[in-house]
Amino acid sequence: MSASIFLIFGLAGCATLAPEAEAPVAAQAPRIFDLSGRIAVKYRDQSSSGSLHWQHRPDQDNISLLSPLGQTVTQITRDADGVTLIDQAHKVHHAADTETLTRDLLGWRLPLSGLSYWVVGQPAPSLPYQADRDAQQRPTLLVQDGWRVNYSAWQTVDGQGLPRKMTLQRDDLEIRLVMDQWTLKTAAQ
């Protein structure tokens, strides 16, 4: 499994859409969460799969991408000092932000700030978007920042509707995420 293919799992680009005017944004998305799940990445002629563990706080992210056998392939940490990426060879890379780091290493940028909203079924604030919604007002498709985010299954965690399965697509990149376990936290935890 290539470590670099996993680094691509949230890469972004550029398309601008008019903001959604009619459908309301659902209740405030959880801003503090831990999730464990599975990931499959197809990029050009390469594909990879494994699992991920993501701890998200408004001021910090810790993401571990693991091989199918459970070995850590890549670790990404974002905090007030910037972003650190440790690759499969244990080489440490630093940058001021995730977008710069992944662009420099891969030629693509990882929109971690947007992904932290998309993974909970919300559009990133202050960016134009389009959304198709189901009868419960959950997005089935969210188009933002050049990405098409398709939501195919939902689950209820602590009374909150959260995605269970989603696919992100952009150009020749496809990332499938299955969220197996969510832990929602409050600021005090």
C-alpha atoms as a PDB file:
ATOM      1  CA  MET A   1       0.000   0.000   0.000  1.00  0.00           C
ATOM      2  CA  SER A   2       1.368   3.330  -0.964  1.00  0.00           C
ATOM      3  CA  ALA A   3       1.521   5.937   1.800  1.00  0.00           C
ATOM      4  CA  SER A   4       1.161   8.726  -0.724  1.00  0.00           C
ATOM      5  CA  ILE A   5      -2.175   7.448  -2.002  1.00  0.00           C
ATOM      6  CA  PHE A   6      -3.573   7.793   1.523  1.00  0.00           C
ATOM      7  CA  LEU A   7      -2.359  11.363   1.754  1.00  0.00           C
ATOM      8  CA  ILE A   8      -4.640  12.219  -1.118  1.00  0.00           C
ATOM      9  CA  PHE A   9      -7.827  11.239   0.735  1.00  0.00           C
ATOM     10  CA  GLY A  10      -9.235  14.742   0.949  1.00  0.00           C
ATOM     11  CA  LEU A  11      -7.618  16.675  -1.821  1.00  0.00           C
ATOM     12  CA  ALA A  12      -9.233  19.788  -3.246  1.00  0.00           C
ATOM     13  CA  GLY A  13      -9.238  22.055  -6.250  1.00  0.00           C
ATOM     14  CA  CYS A  14     -11.251  24.939  -7.610  1.00  0.00           C
ATOM     15  CA  ALA A  15     -14.850  25.335  -8.707  1.00  0.00           C
ATOM     16  CA  THR A  16     -17.149  28.085  -7.578  1.00  0.00           C
ATOM     17  CA  LEU A  17     -20.872  27.606  -7.141  1.00  0.00           C
ATOM     18  CA  ALA A  18     -23.657  29.896  -6.081  1.00  0.00           C
ATOM     19  CA  PRO A  19     -24.598  29.473  -2.411  1.00  0.00           C
ATOM     20  CA  GLU A  20     -27.598  27.330  -1.690  1.00  0.00           C
ATOM     21  CA  ALA A  21     -30.540  29.636  -1.115  1.00  0.00           C
ATOM     22  CA  GLU A  22     -33.490  27.387  -0.249  1.00  0.00           C
ATOM     23  CA  ALA A  23     -32.474  24.351   1.781  1.00  0.00           C
ATOM     24  CA  PRO A  24     -31.685  25.185   5.386  1.00  0.00           C
ATOM     25  CA  VAL A  25     -28.453  24.107   6.997  1.00  0.00           C
ATOM     26  CA  ALA A  26     -29.173  21.351   9.479  1.00  0.00           C
ATOM     27  CA  ALA A  27     -28.597  21.745  13.193  1.00  0.00           C
ATOM     28  CA  GLN A  28     -25.111  22.718  14.247  1.00  0.00           C
ATOM     29  CA  ALA A  29     -22.672  19.969  13.350  1.00  0.00           C
ATOM     30  CA  PRO A  30     -20.532  18.484  16.100  1.00  0.00           C
ATOM     31  CA  ARG A  31     -17.237  20.364  16.176  1.00  0.00           C
ATOM     32  CA  ILE A  32     -15.497  17.902  18.501  1.00  0.00           C
ATOM     33  CA  PHE A  33     -15.499  14.267  17.430  1.00  0.00           C
ATOM     34  CA  ASP A  34     -13.504  11.088  17.200  1.00  0.00           C
ATOM     35  CA  LEU A  35     -14.239   8.678  14.416  1.00  0.00           C
ATOM     36  CA  SER A  36     -12.977   5.308  13.317  1.00  0.00           C
ATOM     37  CA  GLY A  37     -13.750   3.868   9.954  1.00  0.00           C
ATOM     38  CA  ARG A  38     -12.580   2.533   6.655  1.00  0.00           C
ATOM     39  CA  ILE A  39     -11.191   4.305   3.633  1.00  0.00           C
ATOM     40  CA  ALA A  40     -10.714   3.316  -0.006  1.00  0.00           C
ATOM     41  CA  VAL A  41      -8.854   5.603  -2.385  1.00  0.00           C
ATOM     42  CA  LYS A  42      -8.746   5.420  -6.188  1.00  0.00           C
ATOM     43  CA  TYR A  43      -6.387   7.851  -7.849  1.00  0.00           C
ATOM     44  CA  ARG A  44      -5.621   7.520 -11.546  1.00  0.00           C
ATOM     45  CA  ASP A  45      -4.438   3.911 -11.926  1.00  0.00           C
ATOM     46  CA  GLN A  46      -3.743   3.327  -8.221  1.00  0.00           C
ATOM     47  CA  SER A  47      -6.059   2.143  -5.489  1.00  0.00           C
ATOM     48  CA  SER A  48      -5.613   1.511  -1.815  1.00  0.00           C
ATOM     49  CA  SER A  49      -7.715   0.756   1.228  1.00  0.00           C
ATOM     50  CA  GLY A  50      -7.355   0.612   4.950  1.00  0.00           C
ATOM     51  CA  SER A  51      -8.745   2.178   8.058  1.00  0.00           C
ATOM     52  CA  LEU A  52      -8.565   5.565   9.673  1.00  0.00           C
ATOM     53  CA  HIS A  53      -8.796   7.088  13.111  1.00  0.00           C
ATOM     54  CA  TRP A  54      -9.535  10.813  13.311  1.00  0.00           C
ATOM     55  CA  GLN A  55      -9.650  12.988  16.407  1.00  0.00           C
ATOM     56  CA  HIS A  56     -11.014  16.423  15.516  1.00  0.00           C
ATOM     57  CA  ARG A  57     -11.084  19.520  17.695  1.00  0.00           C
ATOM     58  CA  PRO A  58     -11.569  23.070  16.376  1.00  0.00           C
ATOM     59  CA  ASP A  59      -7.895  23.807  17.087  1.00  0.00           C
ATOM     60  CA  GLN A  60      -6.378  20.383  16.386  1.00  0.00           C
ATOM     61  CA  ASP A  61      -6.667  17.305  14.166  1.00  0.00           C
ATOM     62  CA  ASN A  62      -4.948  13.955  14.561  1.00  0.00           C
ATOM     63  CA  ILE A  63      -5.464  11.530  11.693  1.00  0.00           C
ATOM     64  CA  SER A  64      -3.945   8.061  11.480  1.00  0.00           C
ATOM     65  CA  LEU A  65      -4.267   6.064   8.276  1.00  0.00           C
ATOM     66  CA  LEU A  66      -3.682   2.346   8.681  1.00  0.00           C
ATOM     67  CA  SER A  67      -3.058  -0.554   6.329  1.00  0.00           C
ATOM     68  CA  PRO A  68      -5.589  -3.403   6.139  1.00  0.00           C
ATOM     69  CA  LEU A  69      -3.363  -5.219   8.660  1.00  0.00           C
ATOM     70  CA  GLY A  70      -3.586  -2.322  11.127  1.00  0.00           C
ATOM     71  CA  GLN A  71      -0.109  -0.848  10.626  1.00  0.00           C
ATOM     72  CA  THR A  72       0.096   2.944  10.667  1.00  0.00           C
ATOM     73  CA  VAL A  73       0.890   4.202   7.166  1.00  0.00           C
ATOM     74  CA  THR A  74       0.543   7.971   7.654  1.00  0.00           C
ATOM     75  CA  GLN A  75      -0.066  10.324  10.563  1.00  0.00           C
ATOM     76  CA  ILE A  76      -1.245  13.909  10.072  1.00  0.00           C
ATOM     77  CA  THR A  77      -1.380  16.386  12.943  1.00  0.00           C
ATOM     78  CA  ARG A  78      -2.727  19.926  12.650  1.00  0.00           C
ATOM     79  CA  ASP A  79      -2.411  22.418  15.509  1.00  0.00           C
ATOM     80  CA  ALA A  80      -1.546  26.070  16.181  1.00  0.00           C
ATOM     81  CA  ASP A  81       2.043  25.443  15.028  1.00  0.00           C
ATOM     82  CA  GLY A  82       0.971  24.175  11.590  1.00  0.00           C
ATOM     83  CA  VAL A  83       0.787  20.677  10.164  1.00  0.00           C
ATOM     84  CA  THR A  84       3.061  17.697  10.624  1.00  0.00           C
ATOM     85  CA  LEU A  85       2.891  14.618   8.435  1.00  0.00           C
ATOM     86  CA  ILE A  86       4.783  11.440   9.272  1.00  0.00           C
ATOM     87  CA  ASP A  87       4.960   9.098   6.303  1.00  0.00           C
ATOM     88  CA  GLN A  88       5.354   5.311   6.149  1.00  0.00           C
ATOM     89  CA  ALA A  89       9.161   5.683   6.154  1.00  0.00           C
ATOM     90  CA  HIS A  90       8.828   7.724   9.396  1.00  0.00           C
ATOM     91  CA  LYS A  91      10.021  10.857   7.648  1.00  0.00           C
ATOM     92  CA  VAL A  92       8.572  14.000   9.236  1.00  0.00           C
ATOM     93  CA  HIS A  93       7.264  16.808   7.015  1.00  0.00           C
ATOM     94  CA  HIS A  94       6.105  20.247   8.264  1.00  0.00           C
ATOM     95  CA  ALA A  95       4.153  23.128   6.743  1.00  0.00           C
ATOM     96  CA  ALA A  96       2.048  26.060   7.884  1.00  0.00           C
ATOM     97  CA  ASP A  97      -1.163  24.371   6.711  1.00  0.00           C
ATOM     98  CA  THR A  98      -2.461  21.062   5.404  1.00  0.00           C
ATOM     99  CA  GLU A  99      -3.114  22.446   1.922  1.00  0.00           C
ATOM    100  CA  THR A 100       0.501  23.584   1.492  1.00  0.00           C
ATOM    101  CA  LEU A 101       1.964  20.376   2.892  1.00  0.00           C
ATOM    102  CA  THR A 102      -0.061  18.007   0.735  1.00  0.00           C
ATOM    103  CA  ARG A 103       0.330  20.220  -2.346  1.00  0.00           C
ATOM    104  CA  ASP A 104       4.115  20.218  -1.893  1.00  0.00           C
ATOM    105  CA  LEU A 105       4.319  16.463  -1.258  1.00  0.00           C
ATOM    106  CA  LEU A 106       1.669  15.288  -3.698  1.00  0.00           C
ATOM    107  CA  GLY A 107       0.903  18.131  -6.071  1.00  0.00           C
ATOM    108  CA  TRP A 108      -2.603  18.306  -4.512  1.00  0.00           C
ATOM    109  CA  ARG A 109      -4.014  20.054  -1.474  1.00  0.00           C
ATOM    110  CA  LEU A 110      -5.938  18.389   1.343  1.00  0.00           C
ATOM    111  CA  PRO A 111      -8.900  20.589   2.401  1.00  0.00           C
ATOM    112  CA  LEU A 112      -8.907  19.410   5.989  1.00  0.00           C
ATOM    113  CA  SER A 113     -10.914  22.397   7.181  1.00  0.00           C
ATOM    114  CA  GLY A 114     -13.671  21.595   4.655  1.00  0.00           C
ATOM    115  CA  LEU A 115     -13.482  17.866   5.228  1.00  0.00           C
ATOM    116  CA  SER A 116     -14.071  18.337   8.949  1.00  0.00           C
ATOM    117  CA  TYR A 117     -17.520  19.744   8.033  1.00  0.00           C
ATOM    118  CA  TRP A 118     -18.311  17.395   5.131  1.00  0.00           C
ATOM    119  CA  VAL A 119     -17.668  14.302   7.237  1.00  0.00           C
ATOM    120  CA  VAL A 120     -20.459  15.418   9.610  1.00  0.00           C
ATOM    121  CA  GLY A 121     -22.806  16.223   6.715  1.00  0.00           C
ATOM    122  CA  GLN A 122     -22.383  19.998   6.674  1.00  0.00           C
ATOM    123  CA  PRO A 123     -21.025  22.479   4.140  1.00  0.00           C
ATOM    124  CA  ALA A 124     -17.946  24.403   5.217  1.00  0.00           C
ATOM    125  CA  PRO A 125     -18.950  27.904   6.319  1.00  0.00           C
ATOM    126  CA  SER A 126     -18.236  30.953   4.158  1.00  0.00           C
ATOM    127  CA  LEU A 127     -17.813  28.917   0.969  1.00  0.00           C
ATOM    128  CA  PRO A 128     -20.424  28.658  -1.798  1.00  0.00           C
ATOM    129  CA  TYR A 129     -22.078  25.255  -2.124  1.00  0.00           C
ATOM    130  CA  GLN A 130     -24.958  23.352  -3.666  1.00  0.00           C
ATOM    131  CA  ALA A 131     -26.809  20.542  -1.928  1.00  0.00           C
ATOM    132  CA  ASP A 132     -29.491  17.981  -2.691  1.00  0.00           C
ATOM    133  CA  ARG A 133     -31.325  16.814   0.436  1.00  0.00           C
ATOM    134  CA  ASP A 134     -33.507  13.892   1.466  1.00  0.00           C
ATOM    135  CA  ALA A 135     -36.849  14.098   3.294  1.00  0.00           C
ATOM    136  CA  GLN A 136     -35.043  14.534   6.639  1.00  0.00           C
ATOM    137  CA  GLN A 137     -33.067  17.499   5.188  1.00  0.00           C
ATOM    138  CA  ARG A 138     -29.810  15.486   5.249  1.00  0.00           C
ATOM    139  CA  PRO A 139     -27.620  16.052   2.224  1.00  0.00           C
ATOM    140  CA  THR A 140     -27.501  13.309  -0.373  1.00  0.00           C
ATOM    141  CA  LEU A 141     -25.076  15.376  -2.491  1.00  0.00           C
ATOM    142  CA  LEU A 142     -22.941  18.337  -1.461  1.00  0.00           C
ATOM    143  CA  VAL A 143     -20.885  20.204  -4.063  1.00  0.00           C
ATOM    144  CA  GLN A 144     -18.304  22.580  -2.618  1.00  0.00           C
ATOM    145  CA  ASP A 145     -14.782  23.764  -3.366  1.00  0.00           C
ATOM    146  CA  GLY A 146     -14.661  21.605  -6.507  1.00  0.00           C
ATOM    147  CA  TRP A 147     -15.664  18.397  -4.700  1.00  0.00           C
ATOM    148  CA  ARG A 148     -18.768  16.236  -5.115  1.00  0.00           C
ATOM    149  CA  VAL A 149     -19.581  14.632  -1.785  1.00  0.00           C
ATOM    150  CA  ASN A 150     -22.197  11.869  -2.079  1.00  0.00           C
ATOM    151  CA  TYR A 151     -23.822  10.612   1.115  1.00  0.00           C
ATOM    152  CA  SER A 152     -25.242   7.099   0.717  1.00  0.00           C
ATOM    153  CA  ALA A 153     -26.043   6.075   4.311  1.00  0.00           C
ATOM    154  CA  TRP A 154     -26.719   7.803   7.617  1.00  0.00           C
ATOM    155  CA  GLN A 155     -26.717   6.751  11.262  1.00  0.00           C
ATOM    156  CA  THR A 156     -27.847   8.244  14.560  1.00  0.00           C
ATOM    157  CA  VAL A 157     -25.201   8.846  17.230  1.00  0.00           C
ATOM    158  CA  ASP A 158     -26.225  10.409  20.551  1.00  0.00           C
ATOM    159  CA  GLY A 159     -29.388  11.718  18.890  1.00  0.00           C
ATOM    160  CA  GLN A 160     -27.423  13.360  16.038  1.00  0.00           C
ATOM    161  CA  GLY A 161     -27.754  12.236  12.408  1.00  0.00           C
ATOM    162  CA  LEU A 162     -24.259  11.584  11.032  1.00  0.00           C
ATOM    163  CA  PRO A 163     -22.985  10.080   7.792  1.00  0.00           C
ATOM    164  CA  ARG A 164     -22.251   6.359   7.733  1.00  0.00           C
ATOM    165  CA  LYS A 165     -21.037   6.148   4.107  1.00  0.00           C
ATOM    166  CA  MET A 166     -19.813   8.885   1.809  1.00  0.00           C
ATOM    167  CA  THR A 167     -17.836   9.258  -1.400  1.00  0.00           C
ATOM    168  CA  LEU A 168     -15.756  12.291  -2.326  1.00  0.00           C
ATOM    169  CA  GLN A 169     -14.977  12.805  -6.029  1.00  0.00           C
ATOM    170  CA  ARG A 170     -12.825  15.270  -7.860  1.00  0.00           C
ATOM    171  CA  ASP A 171     -11.271  14.814 -11.285  1.00  0.00           C
ATOM    172  CA  ASP A 172      -9.605  11.372 -11.276  1.00  0.00           C
ATOM    173  CA  LEU A 173      -9.667  10.956  -7.490  1.00  0.00           C
ATOM    174  CA  GLU A 174     -12.322   9.062  -5.527  1.00  0.00           C
ATOM    175  CA  ILE A 175     -12.326   8.585  -1.772  1.00  0.00           C
ATOM    176  CA  ARG A 176     -14.856   6.310  -0.080  1.00  0.00           C
ATOM    177  CA  LEU A 177     -15.318   6.617   3.654  1.00  0.00           C
ATOM    178  CA  VAL A 178     -17.296   4.342   5.952  1.00  0.00           C
ATOM    179  CA  MET A 179     -17.672   5.649   9.481  1.00  0.00           C
ATOM    180  CA  ASP A 180     -17.915   2.642  11.784  1.00  0.00           C
ATOM    181  CA  GLN A 181     -17.725   4.426  15.124  1.00  0.00           C
ATOM    182  CA  TRP A 182     -18.388   8.032  16.165  1.00  0.00           C
ATOM    183  CA  THR A 183     -17.703   9.573  19.554  1.00  0.00           C
ATOM    184  CA  LEU A 184     -19.148  13.052  19.979  1.00  0.00           C
ATOM    185  CA  LYS A 185     -17.587  15.196  22.659  1.00  0.00           C
ATOM    186  CA  THR A 186     -18.276  18.460  24.355  1.00  0.00           C
ATOM    187  CA  ALA A 187     -15.650  21.147  24.924  1.00  0.00           C
ATOM    188  CA  ALA A 188     -15.327  20.029  28.555  1.00  0.00           C
ATOM    189  CA  GLN A 189     -14.348  16.438  27.687  1.00  0.00           C
END
